Amino acid sequence: MVPLWSLPMLAALFVGCAAGLAALRRLGTNRALGDVAVAIRAAVISIAPGVSLYAAAAWSSDGAVWRNAGALCFVAFPLLSAIALSLAAQKRGWRRGSVVGTLLGSGLAVAVVATWVTLYLKGVRGGWTSIEMLVSLASVCVTFTASACLGWWSGRTVRQTNDR
């Protein structure tokens, strides 16, 4: 069993890497915050239905279908974040980032979070306390957001903007 604090530390690592890359790429504040806002929305749109479907599995006679649908919501995050960031860049007239980087970075985050949840050894009916749920959901949202931005900003076309 892994400790609960390891997931927030993982989120902090992803945030640090994304912030470091933004600083190295000399992204403007408006560009960086705009991309982060889009990535947060994509993470919430992916996480909220996933958690709801997992919760529905606890009261359903066939919980496996609900759990599988919830897992699909989490796994769909890389594609959702790549689409959302691409559309936002096109709408704002900004240069596109790396779609492949976003897919790979977000996919890595999904895999690491899934591994953490598996190693934490708690199931749907496994006795998650409200503090554990709050800490883990916030950490997952931050990890997903930072990984999407990290992948997006790794593209060669992202350049310095003059909107600091």
Protein backbone atom coordinates (compact mmCIF):
# COMPACT_ATOMS: atom_id res chain seq x y z
CA MET A 1 0.00 0.00 0.00
CA VAL A 2 1.31 3.42 -0.96
CA PRO A 3 0.73 6.45 1.27
CA LEU A 4 -1.91 9.05 0.48
CA TRP A 5 0.61 11.90 0.36
CA SER A 6 2.38 10.37 -2.66
CA LEU A 7 -0.37 11.47 -5.08
CA PRO A 8 -0.21 15.18 -4.14
CA MET A 9 3.57 14.94 -4.42
CA LEU A 10 3.16 13.49 -7.91
CA ALA A 11 0.84 16.38 -8.78
CA ALA A 12 3.43 18.84 -7.48
CA LEU A 13 6.08 17.17 -9.65
CA PHE A 14 3.93 17.55 -12.78
CA VAL A 15 3.15 21.19 -11.90
CA GLY A 16 6.84 21.91 -11.35
CA CYS A 17 7.77 20.37 -14.69
CA ALA A 18 5.03 22.29 -16.50
CA ALA A 19 5.97 25.57 -14.82
CA GLY A 20 9.64 24.99 -15.62
CA LEU A 21 8.85 24.29 -19.26
CA ALA A 22 6.65 27.40 -19.47
CA ALA A 23 9.51 29.47 -18.07
CA LEU A 24 12.04 27.92 -20.45
CA ARG A 25 9.75 28.51 -23.42
CA ARG A 26 9.12 32.07 -22.22
CA LEU A 27 5.39 31.69 -22.55
CA GLY A 28 3.44 34.81 -21.80
CA THR A 29 1.23 34.91 -18.74
CA ASN A 30 -1.98 35.16 -20.75
CA ARG A 31 -1.00 32.23 -22.96
CA ALA A 32 0.02 30.02 -20.03
CA LEU A 33 -3.06 30.83 -17.93
CA GLY A 34 -5.34 30.40 -20.95
CA ASP A 35 -3.93 26.93 -21.65
CA VAL A 36 -4.16 25.98 -17.97
CA ALA A 37 -7.81 27.08 -17.83
CA VAL A 38 -8.66 24.94 -20.86
CA ALA A 39 -6.79 21.96 -19.42
CA ILE A 40 -8.59 22.33 -16.06
CA ARG A 41 -11.94 22.29 -17.83
CA ALA A 42 -10.95 19.18 -19.78
CA ALA A 43 -9.82 17.47 -16.57
CA VAL A 44 -13.06 18.29 -14.74
CA ILE A 45 -15.15 17.19 -17.72
CA SER A 46 -13.29 13.87 -17.67
CA ILE A 47 -13.15 13.33 -13.90
CA ALA A 48 -16.69 14.34 -12.86
CA PRO A 49 -18.56 11.73 -14.94
CA GLY A 50 -15.97 9.11 -14.07
CA VAL A 51 -16.45 9.61 -10.34
CA SER A 52 -20.24 9.73 -10.74
CA LEU A 53 -20.26 6.45 -12.63
CA TYR A 54 -18.02 4.82 -10.03
CA ALA A 55 -20.39 6.03 -7.31
CA ALA A 56 -23.37 4.65 -9.25
CA ALA A 57 -21.63 1.26 -9.35
CA ALA A 58 -21.88 1.00 -5.57
CA TRP A 59 -25.69 1.04 -5.70
CA SER A 60 -26.15 -0.97 -8.89
CA SER A 61 -26.68 -4.72 -9.06
CA ASP A 62 -24.32 -4.86 -12.07
CA GLY A 63 -21.55 -2.57 -10.87
CA ALA A 64 -18.99 -3.76 -13.41
CA VAL A 65 -20.70 -1.92 -16.28
CA TRP A 66 -20.78 1.33 -14.32
CA ARG A 67 -17.14 0.96 -13.22
CA ASN A 68 -16.04 0.26 -16.79
CA ALA A 69 -17.90 3.33 -18.03
CA GLY A 70 -16.26 5.39 -15.28
CA ALA A 71 -12.83 4.07 -16.23
CA LEU A 72 -13.53 5.00 -19.86
CA CYS A 73 -14.14 8.61 -18.79
CA PHE A 74 -10.72 8.75 -17.12
CA VAL A 75 -8.97 7.07 -20.05
CA ALA A 76 -10.60 9.49 -22.52
CA PHE A 77 -8.85 12.47 -20.90
CA PRO A 78 -5.78 12.52 -23.21
CA LEU A 79 -7.93 12.76 -26.33
CA LEU A 80 -10.29 15.26 -24.71
CA SER A 81 -7.45 17.52 -23.58
CA ALA A 82 -5.76 17.45 -26.99
CA ILE A 83 -8.99 18.41 -28.73
CA ALA A 84 -9.82 21.13 -26.19
CA LEU A 85 -6.36 22.72 -26.35
CA SER A 86 -6.35 22.61 -30.16
CA LEU A 87 -9.75 24.27 -30.40
CA ALA A 88 -8.81 26.92 -27.83
CA ALA A 89 -5.58 27.78 -29.68
CA GLN A 90 -7.47 28.04 -32.96
CA LYS A 91 -10.17 30.23 -31.38
CA ARG A 92 -7.63 32.60 -29.81
CA GLY A 93 -5.41 32.73 -32.88
CA TRP A 94 -2.42 31.25 -31.02
CA ARG A 95 0.05 28.82 -32.50
CA ARG A 96 -0.80 25.21 -31.80
CA GLY A 97 1.15 23.17 -29.34
CA SER A 98 2.01 19.51 -29.63
CA VAL A 99 -1.05 17.29 -29.99
CA VAL A 100 1.16 14.19 -29.81
CA GLY A 101 2.90 15.57 -26.73
CA THR A 102 -0.46 16.23 -25.11
CA LEU A 103 -1.65 12.71 -25.86
CA LEU A 104 1.57 11.18 -24.50
CA GLY A 105 1.83 13.44 -21.43
CA SER A 106 -1.82 12.99 -20.50
CA GLY A 107 -1.63 9.26 -21.18
CA LEU A 108 1.34 9.03 -18.84
CA ALA A 109 -0.60 10.86 -16.14
CA VAL A 110 -3.60 8.55 -16.55
CA ALA A 111 -1.33 5.49 -16.30
CA VAL A 112 0.49 6.80 -13.22
CA VAL A 113 -2.77 7.74 -11.46
CA ALA A 114 -4.30 4.36 -12.31
CA THR A 115 -1.23 2.65 -10.89
CA TRP A 116 -1.44 4.74 -7.73
CA VAL A 117 -5.13 3.91 -7.27
CA THR A 118 -4.37 0.21 -7.78
CA LEU A 119 -1.52 0.30 -5.26
CA TYR A 120 -3.59 2.27 -2.76
CA LEU A 121 -5.76 -0.86 -2.51
CA LYS A 122 -9.12 0.78 -2.10
CA GLY A 123 -12.08 -0.16 -4.23
CA VAL A 124 -15.47 1.46 -4.69
CA ARG A 125 -16.66 -0.05 -1.42
CA GLY A 126 -13.20 0.01 0.13
CA GLY A 127 -13.84 2.60 2.79
CA TRP A 128 -12.60 5.81 1.21
CA THR A 129 -12.97 8.64 3.70
CA SER A 130 -14.05 12.09 2.58
CA ILE A 131 -10.54 13.47 3.16
CA GLU A 132 -9.02 10.72 1.02
CA MET A 133 -11.52 11.42 -1.73
CA LEU A 134 -10.94 15.18 -1.60
CA VAL A 135 -7.15 14.88 -1.63
CA SER A 136 -7.09 12.26 -4.37
CA LEU A 137 -9.61 14.00 -6.67
CA ALA A 138 -7.87 17.37 -6.32
CA SER A 139 -4.50 15.75 -6.97
CA VAL A 140 -5.81 13.87 -10.00
CA CYS A 141 -7.28 17.09 -11.44
CA VAL A 142 -4.00 18.97 -10.92
CA THR A 143 -1.94 16.08 -12.31
CA PHE A 144 -4.13 15.79 -15.42
CA THR A 145 -4.04 19.56 -15.99
CA ALA A 146 -0.29 19.87 -15.57
CA SER A 147 0.43 16.84 -17.78
CA ALA A 148 -1.77 18.19 -20.58
CA CYS A 149 -0.04 21.58 -20.44
CA LEU A 150 3.38 19.95 -20.24
CA GLY A 151 2.68 17.94 -23.38
CA TRP A 152 1.06 20.88 -25.18
CA TRP A 153 3.94 23.23 -24.45
CA SER A 154 6.52 20.69 -25.61
CA GLY A 155 5.59 21.45 -29.24
CA ARG A 156 8.07 23.20 -31.49
CA THR A 157 5.55 25.78 -32.65
CA VAL A 158 4.88 27.28 -29.22
CA ARG A 159 6.83 30.53 -29.10
CA GLN A 160 7.21 33.51 -26.86
CA THR A 161 4.28 35.87 -26.86
CA ASN A 162 4.38 39.52 -25.89
CA ASP A 163 1.48 39.36 -23.43
CA ARG A 164 3.33 39.16 -20.14
